[in-house]
PDB file of N, CA and C in Angstrom:
ATOM      1  N   UNK A   1       5.363  17.830  47.725  1.00  0.00           N
ATOM      2  CA  UNK A   1       5.533  16.452  48.134  1.00  0.00           C
ATOM      3  C   UNK A   1       6.122  16.439  49.546  1.00  0.00           C
ATOM      4  N   UNK A   2       5.530  15.635  50.394  1.00  0.00           N
ATOM      5  CA  UNK A   2       5.998  15.455  51.755  1.00  0.00           C
ATOM      6  C   UNK A   2       6.606  14.066  51.868  1.00  0.00           C
ATOM      7  N   UNK A   3       7.663  13.930  52.663  1.00  0.00           N
ATOM      8  CA  UNK A   3       8.318  12.628  52.799  1.00  0.00           C
ATOM      9  C   UNK A   3       8.537  12.270  54.266  1.00  0.00           C
ATOM     10  N   UNK A   4       8.730  10.984  54.504  1.00  0.00           N
ATOM     11  CA  UNK A   4       9.102  10.473  55.823  1.00  0.00           C
ATOM     12  C   UNK A   4      10.043   9.302  55.602  1.00  0.00           C
ATOM     13  N   UNK A   5      11.098   9.240  56.364  1.00  0.00           N
ATOM     14  CA  UNK A   5      12.011   8.116  56.341  1.00  0.00           C
ATOM     15  C   UNK A   5      12.456   7.853  57.775  1.00  0.00           C
ATOM     16  N   UNK A   6      12.167   6.650  58.277  1.00  0.00           N
ATOM     17  CA  UNK A   6      12.543   6.334  59.641  1.00  0.00           C
ATOM     18  C   UNK A   6      11.828   5.106  60.164  1.00  0.00           C
ATOM     19  N   UNK A   7      11.849   4.921  61.482  1.00  0.00           N
ATOM     20  CA  UNK A   7      11.250   3.729  62.084  1.00  0.00           C
ATOM     21  C   UNK A   7       9.732   3.704  61.912  1.00  0.00           C
ATOM     22  N   UNK A   8       9.208   2.494  61.793  1.00  0.00           N
ATOM     23  CA  UNK A   8       7.765   2.303  61.641  1.00  0.00           C
ATOM     24  C   UNK A   8       7.399   0.902  62.115  1.00  0.00           C
ATOM     25  N   UNK A   9       6.100   0.724  62.340  1.00  0.00           N
ATOM     26  CA  UNK A   9       5.584  -0.598  62.697  1.00  0.00           C
ATOM     27  C   UNK A   9       4.412  -0.898  61.782  1.00  0.00           C
ATOM     28  N   UNK A  10       4.487  -2.033  61.104  1.00  0.00           N
ATOM     29  CA  UNK A  10       3.409  -2.494  60.234  1.00  0.00           C
ATOM     30  C   UNK A  10       2.604  -3.522  61.000  1.00  0.00           C
ATOM     31  N   UNK A  11       1.309  -3.278  61.150  1.00  0.00           N
ATOM     32  CA  UNK A  11       0.437  -4.233  61.832  1.00  0.00           C
ATOM     33  C   UNK A  11      -0.303  -5.035  60.771  1.00  0.00           C
ATOM     34  N   UNK A  12      -0.093  -6.347  60.794  1.00  0.00           N
ATOM     35  CA  UNK A  12      -0.724  -7.234  59.818  1.00  0.00           C
ATOM     36  C   UNK A  12      -2.212  -7.393  60.116  1.00  0.00           C
ATOM     37  N   UNK A  13      -2.939  -7.961  59.189  1.00  0.00           N
ATOM     38  CA  UNK A  13      -4.388  -8.111  59.324  1.00  0.00           C
ATOM     39  C   UNK A  13      -4.775  -8.899  60.571  1.00  0.00           C
ATOM     40  N   UNK A  14      -3.919  -9.838  61.003  1.00  0.00           N
ATOM     41  CA  UNK A  14      -4.236 -10.635  62.196  1.00  0.00           C
ATOM     42  C   UNK A  14      -3.791  -9.958  63.492  1.00  0.00           C
ATOM     43  N   UNK A  15      -3.254  -8.731  63.392  1.00  0.00           N
ATOM     44  CA  UNK A  15      -2.836  -7.978  64.566  1.00  0.00           C
ATOM     45  C   UNK A  15      -1.361  -8.125  64.925  1.00  0.00           C
ATOM     46  N   UNK A  16      -0.625  -8.925  64.170  1.00  0.00           N
ATOM     47  CA  UNK A  16       0.799  -9.119  64.437  1.00  0.00           C
ATOM     48  C   UNK A  16       1.584  -7.859  64.076  1.00  0.00           C
ATOM     49  N   UNK A  17       2.353  -7.305  65.022  1.00  0.00           N
ATOM     50  CA  UNK A  17       3.178  -6.126  64.713  1.00  0.00           C
ATOM     51  C   UNK A  17       4.526  -6.536  64.120  1.00  0.00           C
ATOM     52  N   UNK A  18       4.970  -5.782  63.117  1.00  0.00           N
ATOM     53  CA  UNK A  18       6.255  -6.018  62.469  1.00  0.00           C
ATOM     54  C   UNK A  18       7.011  -4.688  62.465  1.00  0.00           C
ATOM     55  N   UNK A  19       8.160  -4.637  63.137  1.00  0.00           N
ATOM     56  CA  UNK A  19       8.933  -3.400  63.174  1.00  0.00           C
ATOM     57  C   UNK A  19       9.900  -3.342  61.996  1.00  0.00           C
ATOM     58  N   UNK A  20      10.259  -2.126  61.621  1.00  0.00           N
ATOM     59  CA  UNK A  20      11.196  -1.956  60.524  1.00  0.00           C
ATOM     60  C   UNK A  20      11.393  -0.490  60.207  1.00  0.00           C
ATOM     61  N   UNK A  21      11.881  -0.228  59.010  1.00  0.00           N
ATOM     62  CA  UNK A  21      12.142   1.126  58.543  1.00  0.00           C
ATOM     63  C   UNK A  21      11.274   1.407  57.320  1.00  0.00           C
ATOM     64  N   UNK A  22      10.680   2.605  57.303  1.00  0.00           N
ATOM     65  CA  UNK A  22       9.819   3.006  56.193  1.00  0.00           C
ATOM     66  C   UNK A  22      10.419   4.194  55.461  1.00  0.00           C
ATOM     67  N   UNK A  23      10.164   4.260  54.180  1.00  0.00           N
ATOM     68  CA  UNK A  23      10.507   5.405  53.349  1.00  0.00           C
ATOM     69  C   UNK A  23       9.248   5.741  52.561  1.00  0.00           C
ATOM     70  N   UNK A  24       8.610   6.866  52.895  1.00  0.00           N
ATOM     71  CA  UNK A  24       7.290   7.192  52.358  1.00  0.00           C
ATOM     72  C   UNK A  24       7.270   8.577  51.726  1.00  0.00           C
ATOM     73  N   UNK A  25       6.330   8.782  50.819  1.00  0.00           N
ATOM     74  CA  UNK A  25       6.136  10.111  50.239  1.00  0.00           C
ATOM     75  C   UNK A  25       4.699  10.265  49.766  1.00  0.00           C
ATOM     76  N   UNK A  26       4.274  11.509  49.688  1.00  0.00           N
ATOM     77  CA  UNK A  26       2.968  11.809  49.109  1.00  0.00           C
ATOM     78  C   UNK A  26       3.156  12.015  47.617  1.00  0.00           C
ATOM     79  N   UNK A  27       2.077  11.836  46.854  1.00  0.00           N
ATOM     80  CA  UNK A  27       2.136  12.047  45.415  1.00  0.00           C
ATOM     81  C   UNK A  27       0.774  12.492  44.915  1.00  0.00           C
ATOM     82  N   UNK A  28       0.752  13.027  43.730  1.00  0.00           N
ATOM     83  CA  UNK A  28      -0.507  13.430  43.109  1.00  0.00           C
ATOM     84  C   UNK A  28      -0.531  12.873  41.697  1.00  0.00           C
ATOM     85  N   UNK A  29      -1.547  12.064  41.407  1.00  0.00           N
ATOM     86  CA  UNK A  29      -1.682  11.438  40.087  1.00  0.00           C
ATOM     87  C   UNK A  29      -3.091  11.663  39.581  1.00  0.00           C
ATOM     88  N   UNK A  30      -3.189  12.290  38.447  1.00  0.00           N
ATOM     89  CA  UNK A  30      -4.505  12.523  37.858  1.00  0.00           C
ATOM     90  C   UNK A  30      -5.414  13.347  38.739  1.00  0.00           C
ATOM     91  N   UNK A  31      -4.850  14.280  39.497  1.00  0.00           N
ATOM     92  CA  UNK A  31      -5.650  15.129  40.365  1.00  0.00           C
ATOM     93  C   UNK A  31      -6.025  14.488  41.682  1.00  0.00           C
ATOM     94  N   UNK A  32      -5.577  13.241  41.910  1.00  0.00           N
ATOM     95  CA  UNK A  32      -5.884  12.534  43.151  1.00  0.00           C
ATOM     96  C   UNK A  32      -4.613  12.462  43.995  1.00  0.00           C
ATOM     97  N   UNK A  33      -4.721  12.917  45.240  1.00  0.00           N
ATOM     98  CA  UNK A  33      -3.573  12.837  46.142  1.00  0.00           C
ATOM     99  C   UNK A  33      -3.529  11.478  46.805  1.00  0.00           C
ATOM    100  N   UNK A  34      -2.325  10.991  47.050  1.00  0.00           N
ATOM    101  CA  UNK A  34      -2.155   9.718  47.722  1.00  0.00           C
ATOM    102  C   UNK A  34      -0.786   9.662  48.373  1.00  0.00           C
ATOM    103  N   UNK A  35      -0.472   8.513  48.929  1.00  0.00           N
ATOM    104  CA  UNK A  35       0.839   8.321  49.541  1.00  0.00           C
ATOM    105  C   UNK A  35       1.218   6.854  49.505  1.00  0.00           C
ATOM    106  N   UNK A  36       2.492   6.593  49.632  1.00  0.00           N
ATOM    107  CA  UNK A  36       2.984   5.227  49.618  1.00  0.00           C
ATOM    108  C   UNK A  36       4.487   5.228  49.753  1.00  0.00           C
ATOM    109  N   UNK A  37       5.077   4.066  49.564  1.00  0.00           N
ATOM    110  CA  UNK A  37       6.520   3.949  49.664  1.00  0.00           C
ATOM    111  C   UNK A  37       6.928   2.527  49.945  1.00  0.00           C
ATOM    112  N   UNK A  38       7.980   2.384  50.739  1.00  0.00           N
ATOM    113  CA  UNK A  38       8.514   1.061  51.026  1.00  0.00           C
ATOM    114  C   UNK A  38       8.695   0.856  52.530  1.00  0.00           C
ATOM    115  N   UNK A  39       8.730  -0.414  52.908  1.00  0.00           N
ATOM    116  CA  UNK A  39       8.935  -0.819  54.300  1.00  0.00           C
ATOM    117  C   UNK A  39       9.918  -1.973  54.292  1.00  0.00           C
ATOM    118  N   UNK A  40      10.979  -1.860  55.091  1.00  0.00           N
ATOM    119  CA  UNK A  40      11.967  -2.933  55.223  1.00  0.00           C
ATOM    120  C   UNK A  40      11.856  -3.496  56.628  1.00  0.00           C
ATOM    121  N   UNK A  41      11.252  -4.691  56.767  1.00  0.00           N
ATOM    122  CA  UNK A  41      11.065  -5.271  58.105  1.00  0.00           C
ATOM    123  C   UNK A  41      12.389  -5.697  58.732  1.00  0.00           C
ATOM    124  N   UNK A  42      12.454  -5.598  60.069  1.00  0.00           N
ATOM    125  CA  UNK A  42      13.642  -6.030  60.799  1.00  0.00           C
ATOM    126  C   UNK A  42      13.832  -7.542  60.697  1.00  0.00           C
ATOM    127  N   UNK A  43      12.722  -8.275  60.664  1.00  0.00           N
ATOM    128  CA  UNK A  43      12.776  -9.736  60.548  1.00  0.00           C
ATOM    129  C   UNK A  43      11.787 -10.180  59.477  1.00  0.00           C
ATOM    130  N   UNK A  44      12.152 -11.217  58.750  1.00  0.00           N
ATOM    131  CA  UNK A  44      11.314 -11.729  57.668  1.00  0.00           C
ATOM    132  C   UNK A  44      10.517 -12.933  58.154  1.00  0.00           C
ATOM    133  N   UNK A  45       9.242 -12.984  57.759  1.00  0.00           N
ATOM    134  CA  UNK A  45       8.404 -14.146  58.055  1.00  0.00           C
ATOM    135  C   UNK A  45       7.495 -14.380  56.862  1.00  0.00           C
ATOM    136  N   UNK A  46       6.885 -15.562  56.808  1.00  0.00           N
ATOM    137  CA  UNK A  46       5.934 -15.843  55.743  1.00  0.00           C
ATOM    138  C   UNK A  46       4.732 -14.912  55.829  1.00  0.00           C
ATOM    139  N   UNK A  47       4.372 -14.505  57.060  1.00  0.00           N
ATOM    140  CA  UNK A  47       3.237 -13.600  57.238  1.00  0.00           C
ATOM    141  C   UNK A  47       3.461 -12.279  56.515  1.00  0.00           C
ATOM    142  N   UNK A  48       4.646 -11.721  56.622  1.00  0.00           N
ATOM    143  CA  UNK A  48       4.921 -10.449  55.957  1.00  0.00           C
ATOM    144  C   UNK A  48       5.075 -10.653  54.450  1.00  0.00           C
ATOM    145  N   UNK A  49       5.630 -11.776  54.035  1.00  0.00           N
ATOM    146  CA  UNK A  49       5.770 -12.055  52.593  1.00  0.00           C
ATOM    147  C   UNK A  49       4.407 -12.210  51.917  1.00  0.00           C
ATOM    148  N   UNK A  50       3.425 -12.733  52.654  1.00  0.00           N
ATOM    149  CA  UNK A  50       2.102 -13.017  52.079  1.00  0.00           C
ATOM    150  C   UNK A  50       1.059 -11.956  52.393  1.00  0.00           C
ATOM    151  N   UNK A  51       1.448 -10.887  53.072  1.00  0.00           N
ATOM    152  CA  UNK A  51       0.492  -9.832  53.442  1.00  0.00           C
ATOM    153  C   UNK A  51      -0.004  -9.120  52.185  1.00  0.00           C
ATOM    154  N   UNK A  52      -1.268  -8.693  52.211  1.00  0.00           N
ATOM    155  CA  UNK A  52      -1.829  -7.980  51.052  1.00  0.00           C
ATOM    156  C   UNK A  52      -2.502  -6.681  51.469  1.00  0.00           C
ATOM    157  N   UNK A  53      -3.648  -6.786  52.145  1.00  0.00           N
ATOM    158  CA  UNK A  53      -4.350  -5.569  52.541  1.00  0.00           C
ATOM    159  C   UNK A  53      -4.912  -5.725  53.941  1.00  0.00           C
ATOM    160  N   UNK A  54      -5.586  -4.681  54.419  1.00  0.00           N
ATOM    161  CA  UNK A  54      -6.087  -4.696  55.793  1.00  0.00           C
ATOM    162  C   UNK A  54      -4.982  -4.435  56.803  1.00  0.00           C
ATOM    163  N   UNK A  55      -3.926  -3.762  56.365  1.00  0.00           N
ATOM    164  CA  UNK A  55      -2.775  -3.499  57.220  1.00  0.00           C
ATOM    165  C   UNK A  55      -2.785  -2.059  57.701  1.00  0.00           C
ATOM    166  N   UNK A  56      -2.028  -1.797  58.762  1.00  0.00           N
ATOM    167  CA  UNK A  56      -1.917  -0.440  59.271  1.00  0.00           C
ATOM    168  C   UNK A  56      -0.448  -0.145  59.540  1.00  0.00           C
ATOM    169  N   UNK A  57      -0.012   1.027  59.104  1.00  0.00           N
ATOM    170  CA  UNK A  57       1.357   1.460  59.326  1.00  0.00           C
ATOM    171  C   UNK A  57       1.363   2.515  60.419  1.00  0.00           C
ATOM    172  N   UNK A  58       2.174   2.283  61.451  1.00  0.00           N
ATOM    173  CA  UNK A  58       2.265   3.224  62.565  1.00  0.00           C
ATOM    174  C   UNK A  58       3.636   3.872  62.567  1.00  0.00           C
ATOM    175  N   UNK A  59       3.632   5.196  62.605  1.00  0.00           N
ATOM    176  CA  UNK A  59       4.856   5.981  62.675  1.00  0.00           C
ATOM    177  C   UNK A  59       4.997   6.521  64.089  1.00  0.00           C
ATOM    178  N   UNK A  60       6.147   7.097  64.435  1.00  0.00           N
ATOM    179  CA  UNK A  60       6.308   7.669  65.777  1.00  0.00           C
ATOM    180  C   UNK A  60       5.191   8.661  66.109  1.00  0.00           C
ATOM    181  N   UNK A  61       4.968   8.857  67.383  1.00  0.00           N
ATOM    182  CA  UNK A  61       3.947   9.770  67.904  1.00  0.00           C
ATOM    183  C   UNK A  61       2.534   9.287  67.591  1.00  0.00           C
ATOM    184  N   UNK A  62       2.367   7.956  67.491  1.00  0.00           N
ATOM    185  CA  UNK A  62       1.051   7.327  67.307  1.00  0.00           C
ATOM    186  C   UNK A  62       0.328   7.791  66.053  1.00  0.00           C
ATOM    187  N   UNK A  63       1.050   8.136  65.019  1.00  0.00           N
ATOM    188  CA  UNK A  63       0.443   8.503  63.738  1.00  0.00           C
ATOM    189  C   UNK A  63       0.286   7.229  62.921  1.00  0.00           C
ATOM    190  N   UNK A  64      -0.938   6.921  62.466  1.00  0.00           N
ATOM    191  CA  UNK A  64      -1.196   5.684  61.736  1.00  0.00           C
ATOM    192  C   UNK A  64      -1.924   5.952  60.433  1.00  0.00           C
ATOM    193  N   UNK A  65      -1.811   4.994  59.533  1.00  0.00           N
ATOM    194  CA  UNK A  65      -2.526   5.060  58.271  1.00  0.00           C
ATOM    195  C   UNK A  65      -2.711   3.670  57.690  1.00  0.00           C
ATOM    196  N   UNK A  66      -3.864   3.414  57.063  1.00  0.00           N
ATOM    197  CA  UNK A  66      -4.101   2.117  56.435  1.00  0.00           C
ATOM    198  C   UNK A  66      -3.277   1.970  55.158  1.00  0.00           C
ATOM    199  N   UNK A  67      -2.725   0.771  54.949  1.00  0.00           N
ATOM    200  CA  UNK A  67      -1.906   0.502  53.766  1.00  0.00           C
ATOM    201  C   UNK A  67      -2.230  -0.866  53.188  1.00  0.00           C
ATOM    202  N   UNK A  68      -1.854  -1.040  51.933  1.00  0.00           N
ATOM    203  CA  UNK A  68      -1.939  -2.330  51.251  1.00  0.00           C
ATOM    204  C   UNK A  68      -0.575  -2.618  50.635  1.00  0.00           C
ATOM    205  N   UNK A  69      -0.209  -3.882  50.581  1.00  0.00           N
ATOM    206  CA  UNK A  69       1.056  -4.286  49.964  1.00  0.00           C
ATOM    207  C   UNK A  69       0.848  -4.388  48.459  1.00  0.00           C
ATOM    208  N   UNK A  70       1.720  -3.727  47.705  1.00  0.00           N
ATOM    209  CA  UNK A  70       1.640  -3.779  46.247  1.00  0.00           C
ATOM    210  C   UNK A  70       2.761  -4.615  45.645  1.00  0.00           C
ATOM    211  N   UNK A  71       3.722  -5.025  46.469  1.00  0.00           N
ATOM    212  CA  UNK A  71       4.810  -5.858  45.976  1.00  0.00           C
ATOM    213  C   UNK A  71       5.808  -6.170  47.074  1.00  0.00           C
ATOM    214  N   UNK A  72       6.528  -7.268  46.887  1.00  0.00           N
ATOM    215  CA  UNK A  72       7.582  -7.675  47.816  1.00  0.00           C
ATOM    216  C   UNK A  72       8.759  -8.126  46.964  1.00  0.00           C
ATOM    217  N   UNK A  73       9.941  -7.588  47.276  1.00  0.00           N
ATOM    218  CA  UNK A  73      11.121  -8.051  46.547  1.00  0.00           C
ATOM    219  C   UNK A  73      12.262  -8.323  47.516  1.00  0.00           C
ATOM    220  N   UNK A  74      13.104  -9.246  47.120  1.00  0.00           N
ATOM    221  CA  UNK A  74      14.237  -9.647  47.930  1.00  0.00           C
ATOM    222  C   UNK A  74      15.374  -8.654  47.727  1.00  0.00           C
ATOM    223  N   UNK A  75      15.952  -8.157  48.824  1.00  0.00           N
ATOM    224  CA  UNK A  75      17.106  -7.266  48.749  1.00  0.00           C
ATOM    225  C   UNK A  75      18.401  -8.055  48.893  1.00  0.00           C
ATOM    226  N   UNK A  76      18.503  -8.796  49.966  1.00  0.00           N
ATOM    227  CA  UNK A  76      19.651  -9.645  50.256  1.00  0.00           C
ATOM    228  C   UNK A  76      19.112 -10.985  50.730  1.00  0.00           C
ATOM    229  N   UNK A  77      19.997 -11.876  51.082  1.00  0.00           N
ATOM    230  CA  UNK A  77      19.542 -13.192  51.548  1.00  0.00           C
ATOM    231  C   UNK A  77      18.665 -13.090  52.790  1.00  0.00           C
ATOM    232  N   UNK A  78      18.864 -12.031  53.584  1.00  0.00           N
ATOM    233  CA  UNK A  78      18.122 -11.911  54.840  1.00  0.00           C
ATOM    234  C   UNK A  78      17.220 -10.683  54.895  1.00  0.00           C
ATOM    235  N   UNK A  79      16.998  -9.993  53.767  1.00  0.00           N
ATOM    236  CA  UNK A  79      16.180  -8.786  53.777  1.00  0.00           C
ATOM    237  C   UNK A  79      15.213  -8.761  52.600  1.00  0.00           C
ATOM    238  N   UNK A  80      14.031  -8.176  52.848  1.00  0.00           N
ATOM    239  CA  UNK A  80      13.068  -7.937  51.787  1.00  0.00           C
ATOM    240  C   UNK A  80      12.635  -6.472  51.850  1.00  0.00           C
ATOM    241  N   UNK A  81      12.090  -5.985  50.747  1.00  0.00           N
ATOM    242  CA  UNK A  81      11.555  -4.637  50.675  1.00  0.00           C
ATOM    243  C   UNK A  81      10.095  -4.751  50.251  1.00  0.00           C
ATOM    244  N   UNK A  82       9.205  -4.220  51.077  1.00  0.00           N
ATOM    245  CA  UNK A  82       7.767  -4.304  50.840  1.00  0.00           C
ATOM    246  C   UNK A  82       7.290  -2.960  50.296  1.00  0.00           C
ATOM    247  N   UNK A  83       6.659  -2.976  49.128  1.00  0.00           N
ATOM    248  CA  UNK A  83       6.082  -1.753  48.562  1.00  0.00           C
ATOM    249  C   UNK A  83       4.676  -1.576  49.107  1.00  0.00           C
ATOM    250  N   UNK A  84       4.366  -0.345  49.542  1.00  0.00           N
ATOM    251  CA  UNK A  84       3.081  -0.043  50.170  1.00  0.00           C
ATOM    252  C   UNK A  84       2.344   1.064  49.430  1.00  0.00           C
ATOM    253  N   UNK A  85       1.018   0.972  49.415  1.00  0.00           N
ATOM    254  CA  UNK A  85       0.156   2.049  48.924  1.00  0.00           C
ATOM    255  C   UNK A  85      -0.775   2.418  50.067  1.00  0.00           C
ATOM    256  N   UNK A  86      -0.733   3.675  50.474  1.00  0.00           N
ATOM    257  CA  UNK A  86      -1.570   4.137  51.576  1.00  0.00           C
ATOM    258  C   UNK A  86      -2.913   4.616  51.090  1.00  0.00           C
ATOM    259  N   UNK A  87      -3.872   4.666  52.011  1.00  0.00           N
ATOM    260  CA  UNK A  87      -5.183   5.229  51.692  1.00  0.00           C
ATOM    261  C   UNK A  87      -5.536   6.221  52.794  1.00  0.00           C
ATOM    262  N   UNK A  88      -6.320   7.210  52.435  1.00  0.00           N
ATOM    263  CA  UNK A  88      -6.661   8.244  53.397  1.00  0.00           C
ATOM    264  C   UNK A  88      -5.531   9.239  53.546  1.00  0.00           C
ATOM    265  N   UNK A  89      -5.629  10.099  54.547  1.00  0.00           N
ATOM    266  CA  UNK A  89      -4.591  11.099  54.771  1.00  0.00           C
ATOM    267  C   UNK A  89      -3.264  10.455  55.166  1.00  0.00           C
ATOM    268  N   UNK A  90      -2.158  11.011  54.678  1.00  0.00           N
ATOM    269  CA  UNK A  90      -0.836  10.511  55.023  1.00  0.00           C
ATOM    270  C   UNK A  90      -0.549  10.766  56.511  1.00  0.00           C
ATOM    271  N   UNK A  91       0.028   9.791  57.214  1.00  0.00           N
ATOM    272  CA  UNK A  91       0.300   9.951  58.643  1.00  0.00           C
ATOM    273  C   UNK A  91       1.608  10.694  58.942  1.00  0.00           C
ATOM    274  N   UNK A  92       2.142  11.384  57.965  1.00  0.00           N
ATOM    275  CA  UNK A  92       3.397  12.121  58.170  1.00  0.00           C
ATOM    276  C   UNK A  92       3.307  13.505  57.594  1.00  0.00           C
TER     277      UNK A  92
END
């Protein structure tokens, strides 16, 4: 299992960039490799709360990967945690 935890930028389907912190890992389920994790945006908006798929996650050094939102939960009054499922090779 490979992991990444640090700064990231989530690009929404309309091209809007959202900066924040990501915590990601690779996994293997039923013989299929995949990756996913969570993203905590620096600022909350309705766009990020309503995001679903067609998104791209960018990590340092221009490493990117397509992701879909699988859930959003409230952490504090001013923070949310977005669960992500990646597709294709992991960018970390």
